[in-house]
């Protein structure tokens, strides 16, 4: 039994680092947030939190109301919200300034034509794109949109040659790349939330298919660094997390493994079978074939019910 459990952990280690981490303190925050955003109605959430939003405006007057709302929902205590927002402002104006500016320019260029999206410009504008884009592409990681406006972030770790990738970039460079992806998601979802009146989020779809080796430790470290900053820099952005297509022989041990994850991850973690996704040799078919894309999004919607 222990051998099988260790094998399950081996499969999960390649993908769970893509998921934002939490801690025991964040568990309480997450419970409050889940109750607060049950309707996802932006107007109602803003009205209910008007005083807190105005209070945070004194710290980040240039930040949109939707962005500040995410901090209010993630950090119900006034002191926590103010501290978290100050830290985010310091990062965005300091260490992360070039990344934040690059993402803003890329999203503006990608959406220059109303109703369109140019993914190439976003990929090319990423930090260290020349080295990383040879290994990270729509074949193994991509973002799709649901009809409700959420983003489905699909990852198939088995198609990433992480050892060759990490021989060309540093851990910090790789971490910056993943933070850039999070910033792009943040910009897109905040704009959609303002436009639609529904608080949009990221749905994580981690496809286990084909994983048979422990990821390169440098790659894992880069993923961990960026995921640990997710809740701090992008609160209330992460939605459900799905581990998809786990081998049948290991599914019986899910109950033993799930408690090992942080409670904030457990609250939104589900192990599911996604046959439409499993049939794809590469993820790029989800973007190039409209019927396949529709079938996959329908599959995700069904799994989330």
C-alpha atoms as a PDB file:
ATOM      1  CA  UNK A   1       0.000   0.000   0.000  1.00  0.00           C
ATOM      2  CA  UNK A   2       2.755   2.451   0.921  1.00  0.00           C
ATOM      3  CA  UNK A   3       4.396   1.882  -2.466  1.00  0.00           C
ATOM      4  CA  UNK A   4       1.157   2.841  -4.221  1.00  0.00           C
ATOM      5  CA  UNK A   5       0.735   5.917  -2.045  1.00  0.00           C
ATOM      6  CA  UNK A   6       4.279   7.022  -2.844  1.00  0.00           C
ATOM      7  CA  UNK A   7       3.506   6.490  -6.532  1.00  0.00           C
ATOM      8  CA  UNK A   8       0.409   8.661  -6.231  1.00  0.00           C
ATOM      9  CA  UNK A   9       2.476  11.412  -4.630  1.00  0.00           C
ATOM     10  CA  UNK A  10       4.937  11.046  -7.505  1.00  0.00           C
ATOM     11  CA  UNK A  11       2.152  11.666 -10.014  1.00  0.00           C
ATOM     12  CA  UNK A  12       0.793  14.647  -8.107  1.00  0.00           C
ATOM     13  CA  UNK A  13       4.146  16.318  -7.480  1.00  0.00           C
ATOM     14  CA  UNK A  14       4.428  17.256 -11.140  1.00  0.00           C
ATOM     15  CA  UNK A  15       1.223  19.259 -11.150  1.00  0.00           C
ATOM     16  CA  UNK A  16       0.262  20.452  -7.673  1.00  0.00           C
ATOM     17  CA  UNK A  17       2.974  23.089  -7.657  1.00  0.00           C
ATOM     18  CA  UNK A  18       0.895  24.946 -10.256  1.00  0.00           C
ATOM     19  CA  UNK A  19      -1.805  25.391  -7.598  1.00  0.00           C
ATOM     20  CA  UNK A  20      -1.748  28.334  -5.169  1.00  0.00           C
ATOM     21  CA  UNK A  21      -0.749  27.233  -1.695  1.00  0.00           C
ATOM     22  CA  UNK A  22      -2.334  28.163   1.620  1.00  0.00           C
ATOM     23  CA  UNK A  23      -1.756  27.836   5.338  1.00  0.00           C
ATOM     24  CA  UNK A  24      -3.791  27.283   8.493  1.00  0.00           C
ATOM     25  CA  UNK A  25      -4.526  30.988   8.828  1.00  0.00           C
ATOM     26  CA  UNK A  26      -5.665  31.192   5.219  1.00  0.00           C
ATOM     27  CA  UNK A  27      -8.114  28.356   5.861  1.00  0.00           C
ATOM     28  CA  UNK A  28     -10.316  30.668   7.917  1.00  0.00           C
ATOM     29  CA  UNK A  29      -9.998  33.367   5.285  1.00  0.00           C
ATOM     30  CA  UNK A  30     -10.963  30.886   2.591  1.00  0.00           C
ATOM     31  CA  UNK A  31     -14.094  29.811   4.470  1.00  0.00           C
ATOM     32  CA  UNK A  32     -15.169  33.444   4.837  1.00  0.00           C
ATOM     33  CA  UNK A  33     -14.419  34.138   1.181  1.00  0.00           C
ATOM     34  CA  UNK A  34     -16.355  31.096  -0.042  1.00  0.00           C
ATOM     35  CA  UNK A  35     -19.396  32.254   1.896  1.00  0.00           C
ATOM     36  CA  UNK A  36     -19.009  35.829   0.667  1.00  0.00           C
ATOM     37  CA  UNK A  37     -18.742  35.050  -3.037  1.00  0.00           C
ATOM     38  CA  UNK A  38     -21.447  32.407  -3.228  1.00  0.00           C
ATOM     39  CA  UNK A  39     -23.411  34.558  -5.687  1.00  0.00           C
ATOM     40  CA  UNK A  40     -20.355  36.047  -7.483  1.00  0.00           C
ATOM     41  CA  UNK A  41     -22.453  39.152  -8.075  1.00  0.00           C
ATOM     42  CA  UNK A  42     -19.984  42.030  -8.263  1.00  0.00           C
ATOM     43  CA  UNK A  43     -22.510  44.768  -7.572  1.00  0.00           C
ATOM     44  CA  UNK A  44     -23.779  43.041  -4.429  1.00  0.00           C
ATOM     45  CA  UNK A  45     -20.250  42.302  -3.213  1.00  0.00           C
ATOM     46  CA  UNK A  46     -19.164  45.910  -3.716  1.00  0.00           C
ATOM     47  CA  UNK A  47     -22.232  47.243  -1.922  1.00  0.00           C
ATOM     48  CA  UNK A  48     -21.702  44.862   0.985  1.00  0.00           C
ATOM     49  CA  UNK A  49     -18.035  45.837   1.318  1.00  0.00           C
ATOM     50  CA  UNK A  50     -18.166  49.544   0.419  1.00  0.00           C
ATOM     51  CA  UNK A  51     -16.502  50.805   3.614  1.00  0.00           C
ATOM     52  CA  UNK A  52     -13.626  48.336   3.345  1.00  0.00           C
ATOM     53  CA  UNK A  53     -13.108  49.123  -0.342  1.00  0.00           C
ATOM     54  CA  UNK A  54     -12.937  52.842   0.351  1.00  0.00           C
ATOM     55  CA  UNK A  55     -10.486  52.193   3.164  1.00  0.00           C
ATOM     56  CA  UNK A  56      -8.164  50.239   0.849  1.00  0.00           C
ATOM     57  CA  UNK A  57      -8.380  52.978  -1.783  1.00  0.00           C
ATOM     58  CA  UNK A  58      -6.173  55.115   0.435  1.00  0.00           C
ATOM     59  CA  UNK A  59      -3.405  52.532   0.055  1.00  0.00           C
ATOM     60  CA  UNK A  60      -3.788  51.808  -3.665  1.00  0.00           C
ATOM     61  CA  UNK A  61      -5.840  54.590  -5.283  1.00  0.00           C
ATOM     62  CA  UNK A  62      -4.701  53.514  -8.764  1.00  0.00           C
ATOM     63  CA  UNK A  63      -5.947  49.941  -8.267  1.00  0.00           C
ATOM     64  CA  UNK A  64      -9.347  49.064  -9.706  1.00  0.00           C
ATOM     65  CA  UNK A  65     -12.286  48.460  -7.423  1.00  0.00           C
ATOM     66  CA  UNK A  66     -12.482  44.835  -8.573  1.00  0.00           C
ATOM     67  CA  UNK A  67      -8.836  44.282  -7.658  1.00  0.00           C
ATOM     68  CA  UNK A  68      -9.377  45.805  -4.217  1.00  0.00           C
ATOM     69  CA  UNK A  69     -12.529  43.708  -3.787  1.00  0.00           C
ATOM     70  CA  UNK A  70     -10.449  40.553  -4.152  1.00  0.00           C
ATOM     71  CA  UNK A  71      -8.290  41.642  -1.208  1.00  0.00           C
ATOM     72  CA  UNK A  72     -11.367  42.429   0.893  1.00  0.00           C
ATOM     73  CA  UNK A  73     -12.827  38.984   0.199  1.00  0.00           C
ATOM     74  CA  UNK A  74      -9.581  37.127   0.872  1.00  0.00           C
ATOM     75  CA  UNK A  75      -8.686  39.036   4.033  1.00  0.00           C
ATOM     76  CA  UNK A  76     -11.818  39.680   6.106  1.00  0.00           C
ATOM     77  CA  UNK A  77      -9.923  41.434   8.897  1.00  0.00           C
ATOM     78  CA  UNK A  78      -9.246  45.099   8.087  1.00  0.00           C
ATOM     79  CA  UNK A  79      -5.652  44.944   9.338  1.00  0.00           C
ATOM     80  CA  UNK A  80      -4.928  41.816   7.277  1.00  0.00           C
ATOM     81  CA  UNK A  81      -6.379  43.339   4.114  1.00  0.00           C
ATOM     82  CA  UNK A  82      -4.410  46.552   4.544  1.00  0.00           C
ATOM     83  CA  UNK A  83      -1.169  44.695   5.216  1.00  0.00           C
ATOM     84  CA  UNK A  84      -1.654  42.354   2.247  1.00  0.00           C
ATOM     85  CA  UNK A  85      -2.470  45.219  -0.102  1.00  0.00           C
ATOM     86  CA  UNK A  86       0.554  47.220   1.035  1.00  0.00           C
ATOM     87  CA  UNK A  87       2.789  44.217   0.346  1.00  0.00           C
ATOM     88  CA  UNK A  88       1.257  43.787  -3.101  1.00  0.00           C
ATOM     89  CA  UNK A  89       1.745  47.491  -3.902  1.00  0.00           C
ATOM     90  CA  UNK A  90       5.390  47.313  -2.823  1.00  0.00           C
ATOM     91  CA  UNK A  91       5.941  44.287  -5.055  1.00  0.00           C
ATOM     92  CA  UNK A  92       4.133  45.779  -8.054  1.00  0.00           C
ATOM     93  CA  UNK A  93       6.107  49.023  -7.790  1.00  0.00           C
ATOM     94  CA  UNK A  94       9.412  47.343  -6.998  1.00  0.00           C
ATOM     95  CA  UNK A  95      10.594  43.821  -7.688  1.00  0.00           C
ATOM     96  CA  UNK A  96       7.657  42.950  -9.935  1.00  0.00           C
ATOM     97  CA  UNK A  97       7.304  46.287 -11.736  1.00  0.00           C
ATOM     98  CA  UNK A  98       8.816  45.219 -15.057  1.00  0.00           C
ATOM     99  CA  UNK A  99       6.730  42.038 -15.124  1.00  0.00           C
ATOM    100  CA  UNK A 100       3.516  43.914 -14.274  1.00  0.00           C
ATOM    101  CA  UNK A 101       4.176  46.517 -16.964  1.00  0.00           C
ATOM    102  CA  UNK A 102       5.021  43.854 -19.553  1.00  0.00           C
ATOM    103  CA  UNK A 103       1.786  42.013 -18.813  1.00  0.00           C
ATOM    104  CA  UNK A 104      -0.281  45.204 -19.064  1.00  0.00           C
ATOM    105  CA  UNK A 105       1.225  46.083 -22.435  1.00  0.00           C
ATOM    106  CA  UNK A 106       0.776  42.532 -23.706  1.00  0.00           C
ATOM    107  CA  UNK A 107      -2.883  42.321 -22.692  1.00  0.00           C
ATOM    108  CA  UNK A 108      -3.565  45.749 -24.213  1.00  0.00           C
ATOM    109  CA  UNK A 109      -1.981  44.633 -27.491  1.00  0.00           C
ATOM    110  CA  UNK A 110      -3.719  41.244 -27.416  1.00  0.00           C
ATOM    111  CA  UNK A 111      -7.136  42.902 -27.045  1.00  0.00           C
ATOM    112  CA  UNK A 112      -6.509  45.878 -29.357  1.00  0.00           C
ATOM    113  CA  UNK A 113      -9.192  44.614 -31.710  1.00  0.00           C
ATOM    114  CA  UNK A 114     -12.459  44.430 -29.797  1.00  0.00           C
ATOM    115  CA  UNK A 115     -13.602  40.873 -29.190  1.00  0.00           C
ATOM    116  CA  UNK A 116     -10.285  39.360 -30.246  1.00  0.00           C
ATOM    117  CA  UNK A 117      -7.282  37.892 -28.442  1.00  0.00           C
ATOM    118  CA  UNK A 118      -3.744  37.586 -29.824  1.00  0.00           C
ATOM    119  CA  UNK A 119      -2.028  34.896 -27.793  1.00  0.00           C
ATOM    120  CA  UNK A 120       1.267  35.242 -29.665  1.00  0.00           C
ATOM    121  CA  UNK A 121       1.924  38.757 -28.373  1.00  0.00           C
ATOM    122  CA  UNK A 122       1.270  37.630 -24.799  1.00  0.00           C
ATOM    123  CA  UNK A 123       3.659  34.693 -25.146  1.00  0.00           C
ATOM    124  CA  UNK A 124       6.368  36.788 -26.779  1.00  0.00           C
ATOM    125  CA  UNK A 125       6.144  39.462 -24.062  1.00  0.00           C
ATOM    126  CA  UNK A 126       6.708  37.020 -21.200  1.00  0.00           C
ATOM    127  CA  UNK A 127       9.928  37.266 -19.154  1.00  0.00           C
ATOM    128  CA  UNK A 128      12.690  35.161 -20.719  1.00  0.00           C
ATOM    129  CA  UNK A 129      10.294  34.161 -23.496  1.00  0.00           C
ATOM    130  CA  UNK A 130      13.027  33.303 -25.987  1.00  0.00           C
ATOM    131  CA  UNK A 131      14.318  30.475 -23.804  1.00  0.00           C
ATOM    132  CA  UNK A 132      11.112  29.352 -22.107  1.00  0.00           C
ATOM    133  CA  UNK A 133       8.657  29.330 -25.017  1.00  0.00           C
ATOM    134  CA  UNK A 134      10.604  26.525 -26.659  1.00  0.00           C
ATOM    135  CA  UNK A 135       9.408  24.280 -23.824  1.00  0.00           C
ATOM    136  CA  UNK A 136       6.212  25.915 -22.535  1.00  0.00           C
ATOM    137  CA  UNK A 137       3.612  26.178 -25.285  1.00  0.00           C
ATOM    138  CA  UNK A 138      -0.074  25.450 -25.946  1.00  0.00           C
ATOM    139  CA  UNK A 139       0.982  21.825 -26.361  1.00  0.00           C
ATOM    140  CA  UNK A 140       1.414  21.476 -22.599  1.00  0.00           C
ATOM    141  CA  UNK A 141      -0.058  24.574 -20.889  1.00  0.00           C
ATOM    142  CA  UNK A 142      -2.896  26.786 -22.068  1.00  0.00           C
ATOM    143  CA  UNK A 143      -5.757  28.966 -20.911  1.00  0.00           C
ATOM    144  CA  UNK A 144      -9.324  28.650 -22.155  1.00  0.00           C
ATOM    145  CA  UNK A 145     -12.427  30.655 -21.316  1.00  0.00           C
ATOM    146  CA  UNK A 146     -15.801  29.408 -20.158  1.00  0.00           C
ATOM    147  CA  UNK A 147     -19.091  30.961 -21.201  1.00  0.00           C
ATOM    148  CA  UNK A 148     -19.346  32.500 -17.731  1.00  0.00           C
ATOM    149  CA  UNK A 149     -15.993  34.257 -18.169  1.00  0.00           C
ATOM    150  CA  UNK A 150     -13.787  32.074 -15.983  1.00  0.00           C
ATOM    151  CA  UNK A 151     -10.368  30.935 -17.208  1.00  0.00           C
ATOM    152  CA  UNK A 152      -9.564  27.225 -17.318  1.00  0.00           C
ATOM    153  CA  UNK A 153      -5.806  26.869 -16.817  1.00  0.00           C
ATOM    154  CA  UNK A 154      -4.937  23.464 -18.289  1.00  0.00           C
ATOM    155  CA  UNK A 155      -1.582  21.828 -17.529  1.00  0.00           C
ATOM    156  CA  UNK A 156      -0.189  18.526 -18.783  1.00  0.00           C
ATOM    157  CA  UNK A 157       3.142  18.265 -16.974  1.00  0.00           C
ATOM    158  CA  UNK A 158       4.196  15.091 -18.794  1.00  0.00           C
ATOM    159  CA  UNK A 159       4.694  17.099 -22.013  1.00  0.00           C
ATOM    160  CA  UNK A 160       7.102  19.602 -20.409  1.00  0.00           C
ATOM    161  CA  UNK A 161      10.783  18.766 -20.849  1.00  0.00           C
ATOM    162  CA  UNK A 162      11.593  20.439 -17.553  1.00  0.00           C
ATOM    163  CA  UNK A 163      15.192  19.226 -17.336  1.00  0.00           C
ATOM    164  CA  UNK A 164      16.205  20.763 -20.651  1.00  0.00           C
ATOM    165  CA  UNK A 165      14.175  23.854 -19.820  1.00  0.00           C
ATOM    166  CA  UNK A 166      15.887  24.377 -16.469  1.00  0.00           C
ATOM    167  CA  UNK A 167      19.291  23.974 -18.076  1.00  0.00           C
ATOM    168  CA  UNK A 168      18.568  27.218 -19.925  1.00  0.00           C
ATOM    169  CA  UNK A 169      16.947  29.404 -17.248  1.00  0.00           C
ATOM    170  CA  UNK A 170      17.345  29.982 -13.524  1.00  0.00           C
ATOM    171  CA  UNK A 171      14.774  29.175 -10.856  1.00  0.00           C
ATOM    172  CA  UNK A 172      13.996  32.881 -10.420  1.00  0.00           C
ATOM    173  CA  UNK A 173      13.587  33.405 -14.157  1.00  0.00           C
ATOM    174  CA  UNK A 174      11.165  30.491 -14.342  1.00  0.00           C
ATOM    175  CA  UNK A 175       9.264  31.766 -11.323  1.00  0.00           C
ATOM    176  CA  UNK A 176       8.970  35.217 -12.929  1.00  0.00           C
ATOM    177  CA  UNK A 177       7.482  33.589 -16.024  1.00  0.00           C
ATOM    178  CA  UNK A 178       4.729  31.897 -14.003  1.00  0.00           C
ATOM    179  CA  UNK A 179       4.015  35.100 -12.090  1.00  0.00           C
ATOM    180  CA  UNK A 180       3.606  36.830 -15.450  1.00  0.00           C
ATOM    181  CA  UNK A 181       0.972  34.238 -16.393  1.00  0.00           C
ATOM    182  CA  UNK A 182      -0.849  34.959 -13.128  1.00  0.00           C
ATOM    183  CA  UNK A 183      -0.722  38.704 -13.805  1.00  0.00           C
ATOM    184  CA  UNK A 184      -2.185  38.194 -17.280  1.00  0.00           C
ATOM    185  CA  UNK A 185      -4.986  36.094 -15.793  1.00  0.00           C
ATOM    186  CA  UNK A 186      -5.548  38.783 -13.163  1.00  0.00           C
ATOM    187  CA  UNK A 187      -5.873  41.558 -15.745  1.00  0.00           C
ATOM    188  CA  UNK A 188      -8.182  39.556 -17.996  1.00  0.00           C
ATOM    189  CA  UNK A 189     -10.460  38.337 -15.205  1.00  0.00           C
ATOM    190  CA  UNK A 190     -10.742  41.716 -13.515  1.00  0.00           C
ATOM    191  CA  UNK A 191     -11.751  43.299 -16.815  1.00  0.00           C
ATOM    192  CA  UNK A 192     -14.319  40.560 -17.426  1.00  0.00           C
ATOM    193  CA  UNK A 193     -15.677  40.926 -13.903  1.00  0.00           C
ATOM    194  CA  UNK A 194     -16.212  44.641 -14.442  1.00  0.00           C
ATOM    195  CA  UNK A 195     -17.818  44.059 -17.817  1.00  0.00           C
ATOM    196  CA  UNK A 196     -20.109  41.160 -16.894  1.00  0.00           C
ATOM    197  CA  UNK A 197     -20.880  41.911 -13.252  1.00  0.00           C
ATOM    198  CA  UNK A 198     -19.782  38.389 -12.268  1.00  0.00           C
ATOM    199  CA  UNK A 199     -16.631  37.795 -10.204  1.00  0.00           C
ATOM    200  CA  UNK A 200     -14.545  35.594 -12.494  1.00  0.00           C
ATOM    201  CA  UNK A 201     -11.803  33.205 -11.368  1.00  0.00           C
ATOM    202  CA  UNK A 202      -9.193  30.684 -12.524  1.00  0.00           C
ATOM    203  CA  UNK A 203     -10.165  27.017 -12.677  1.00  0.00           C
ATOM    204  CA  UNK A 204      -7.111  24.755 -12.470  1.00  0.00           C
ATOM    205  CA  UNK A 205      -7.213  21.582 -14.590  1.00  0.00           C
ATOM    206  CA  UNK A 206      -4.102  19.521 -13.834  1.00  0.00           C
ATOM    207  CA  UNK A 207      -3.926  16.601 -16.269  1.00  0.00           C
ATOM    208  CA  UNK A 208      -1.933  13.679 -14.832  1.00  0.00           C
ATOM    209  CA  UNK A 209      -1.895  11.778 -18.130  1.00  0.00           C
ATOM    210  CA  UNK A 210       1.549  10.437 -18.979  1.00  0.00           C
ATOM    211  CA  UNK A 211       3.379  11.550 -15.808  1.00  0.00           C
ATOM    212  CA  UNK A 212       5.941   8.882 -14.929  1.00  0.00           C
ATOM    213  CA  UNK A 213       8.891  10.753 -13.457  1.00  0.00           C
ATOM    214  CA  UNK A 214       9.678  13.135 -10.654  1.00  0.00           C
ATOM    215  CA  UNK A 215       9.961  16.690 -12.042  1.00  0.00           C
ATOM    216  CA  UNK A 216      13.283  18.457 -12.120  1.00  0.00           C
ATOM    217  CA  UNK A 217      13.808  19.881  -8.606  1.00  0.00           C
ATOM    218  CA  UNK A 218      14.692  23.299 -10.023  1.00  0.00           C
ATOM    219  CA  UNK A 219      11.427  23.389 -11.967  1.00  0.00           C
ATOM    220  CA  UNK A 220       9.488  22.344  -8.867  1.00  0.00           C
ATOM    221  CA  UNK A 221      11.186  25.076  -6.855  1.00  0.00           C
ATOM    222  CA  UNK A 222      10.250  27.721  -9.438  1.00  0.00           C
ATOM    223  CA  UNK A 223       6.642  26.539  -9.436  1.00  0.00           C
ATOM    224  CA  UNK A 224       6.539  26.516  -5.659  1.00  0.00           C
ATOM    225  CA  UNK A 225       7.959  30.038  -5.425  1.00  0.00           C
ATOM    226  CA  UNK A 226       5.342  31.440  -7.762  1.00  0.00           C
ATOM    227  CA  UNK A 227       2.442  29.477  -6.266  1.00  0.00           C
ATOM    228  CA  UNK A 228       3.339  30.612  -2.746  1.00  0.00           C
ATOM    229  CA  UNK A 229       2.954  34.213  -3.898  1.00  0.00           C
ATOM    230  CA  UNK A 230      -0.393  33.588  -5.576  1.00  0.00           C
ATOM    231  CA  UNK A 231      -2.672  34.224  -2.596  1.00  0.00           C
ATOM    232  CA  UNK A 232      -0.543  37.139  -1.430  1.00  0.00           C
ATOM    233  CA  UNK A 233      -0.433  38.953  -4.779  1.00  0.00           C
ATOM    234  CA  UNK A 234      -3.615  37.667  -6.434  1.00  0.00           C
ATOM    235  CA  UNK A 235      -6.137  36.915  -3.671  1.00  0.00           C
ATOM    236  CA  UNK A 236      -9.591  35.560  -4.524  1.00  0.00           C
ATOM    237  CA  UNK A 237      -8.453  34.736  -8.053  1.00  0.00           C
ATOM    238  CA  UNK A 238      -8.043  30.964  -7.651  1.00  0.00           C
ATOM    239  CA  UNK A 239     -11.139  28.829  -8.033  1.00  0.00           C
ATOM    240  CA  UNK A 240     -11.626  25.052  -8.110  1.00  0.00           C
ATOM    241  CA  UNK A 241      -8.622  22.770  -8.606  1.00  0.00           C
ATOM    242  CA  UNK A 242      -9.040  19.478 -10.434  1.00  0.00           C
ATOM    243  CA  UNK A 243      -6.567  16.612 -10.674  1.00  0.00           C
ATOM    244  CA  UNK A 244      -7.638  14.866 -13.855  1.00  0.00           C
ATOM    245  CA  UNK A 245      -7.139  11.382 -15.268  1.00  0.00           C
ATOM    246  CA  UNK A 246      -5.436   9.736 -12.322  1.00  0.00           C
ATOM    247  CA  UNK A 247      -4.596   6.087 -13.153  1.00  0.00           C
ATOM    248  CA  UNK A 248      -7.393   3.772 -12.028  1.00  0.00           C
ATOM    249  CA  UNK A 249      -5.127   1.688  -9.792  1.00  0.00           C
ATOM    250  CA  UNK A 250      -4.317   4.788  -7.706  1.00  0.00           C
ATOM    251  CA  UNK A 251      -7.814   6.221  -7.374  1.00  0.00           C
ATOM    252  CA  UNK A 252      -8.616   4.064  -4.341  1.00  0.00           C
ATOM    253  CA  UNK A 253      -5.968   5.923  -2.332  1.00  0.00           C
ATOM    254  CA  UNK A 254      -7.262   9.442  -2.924  1.00  0.00           C
ATOM    255  CA  UNK A 255      -8.825   9.516   0.535  1.00  0.00           C
ATOM    256  CA  UNK A 256      -5.426   8.881   2.093  1.00  0.00           C
ATOM    257  CA  UNK A 257      -3.649  11.539   0.076  1.00  0.00           C
ATOM    258  CA  UNK A 258      -6.053  14.491   0.044  1.00  0.00           C
ATOM    259  CA  UNK A 259      -5.577  15.298   3.774  1.00  0.00           C
ATOM    260  CA  UNK A 260      -1.857  15.832   3.112  1.00  0.00           C
ATOM    261  CA  UNK A 261      -2.593  19.015   1.181  1.00  0.00           C
ATOM    262  CA  UNK A 262      -3.178  22.409   2.863  1.00  0.00           C
ATOM    263  CA  UNK A 263      -6.794  22.871   3.925  1.00  0.00           C
ATOM    264  CA  UNK A 264      -7.216  25.825   1.587  1.00  0.00           C
ATOM    265  CA  UNK A 265      -6.301  23.515  -1.311  1.00  0.00           C
ATOM    266  CA  UNK A 266      -8.464  20.669   0.007  1.00  0.00           C
ATOM    267  CA  UNK A 267     -11.519  22.927   0.065  1.00  0.00           C
ATOM    268  CA  UNK A 268     -11.406  23.336  -3.699  1.00  0.00           C
ATOM    269  CA  UNK A 269      -9.590  20.122  -4.708  1.00  0.00           C
ATOM    270  CA  UNK A 270     -11.292  17.360  -6.694  1.00  0.00           C
ATOM    271  CA  UNK A 271     -10.005  14.229  -8.397  1.00  0.00           C
ATOM    272  CA  UNK A 272     -11.909  13.561 -11.611  1.00  0.00           C
ATOM    273  CA  UNK A 273     -11.803  11.637 -14.872  1.00  0.00           C
ATOM    274  CA  UNK A 274     -11.810  13.764 -18.036  1.00  0.00           C
ATOM    275  CA  UNK A 275     -11.968  11.441 -21.053  1.00  0.00           C
ATOM    276  CA  UNK A 276     -12.170  14.235 -23.619  1.00  0.00           C
ATOM    277  CA  UNK A 277      -8.917  15.685 -22.284  1.00  0.00           C
ATOM    278  CA  UNK A 278      -7.295  12.265 -21.963  1.00  0.00           C
ATOM    279  CA  UNK A 279      -7.849  11.568 -25.667  1.00  0.00           C
ATOM    280  CA  UNK A 280      -5.798  14.588 -26.739  1.00  0.00           C
ATOM    281  CA  UNK A 281      -2.180  13.839 -27.617  1.00  0.00           C
ATOM    282  CA  UNK A 282      -1.382  17.509 -27.061  1.00  0.00           C
ATOM    283  CA  UNK A 283      -3.379  20.309 -25.446  1.00  0.00           C
ATOM    284  CA  UNK A 284      -3.132  22.486 -28.568  1.00  0.00           C
ATOM    285  CA  UNK A 285      -6.038  20.570 -30.097  1.00  0.00           C
ATOM    286  CA  UNK A 286      -8.250  22.323 -27.541  1.00  0.00           C
ATOM    287  CA  UNK A 287      -7.547  25.607 -29.317  1.00  0.00           C
ATOM    288  CA  UNK A 288      -7.310  24.482 -32.947  1.00  0.00           C
ATOM    289  CA  UNK A 289     -10.444  22.316 -33.036  1.00  0.00           C
ATOM    290  CA  UNK A 290     -13.596  24.172 -32.019  1.00  0.00           C
ATOM    291  CA  UNK A 291     -15.620  20.985 -31.498  1.00  0.00           C
ATOM    292  CA  UNK A 292     -12.952  19.519 -29.229  1.00  0.00           C
ATOM    293  CA  UNK A 293     -12.746  22.776 -27.294  1.00  0.00           C
ATOM    294  CA  UNK A 294     -16.518  22.876 -26.779  1.00  0.00           C
ATOM    295  CA  UNK A 295     -16.550  19.239 -25.698  1.00  0.00           C
ATOM    296  CA  UNK A 296     -13.765  19.837 -23.194  1.00  0.00           C
ATOM    297  CA  UNK A 297     -15.353  22.963 -21.708  1.00  0.00           C
ATOM    298  CA  UNK A 298     -18.658  21.080 -21.398  1.00  0.00           C
ATOM    299  CA  UNK A 299     -16.740  18.291 -19.673  1.00  0.00           C
ATOM    300  CA  UNK A 300     -15.227  20.746 -17.182  1.00  0.00           C
ATOM    301  CA  UNK A 301     -18.624  22.332 -16.498  1.00  0.00           C
ATOM    302  CA  UNK A 302     -20.065  18.883 -15.809  1.00  0.00           C
ATOM    303  CA  UNK A 303     -17.208  17.994 -13.460  1.00  0.00           C
ATOM    304  CA  UNK A 304     -17.703  21.227 -11.497  1.00  0.00           C
ATOM    305  CA  UNK A 305     -21.361  20.535 -10.722  1.00  0.00           C
END
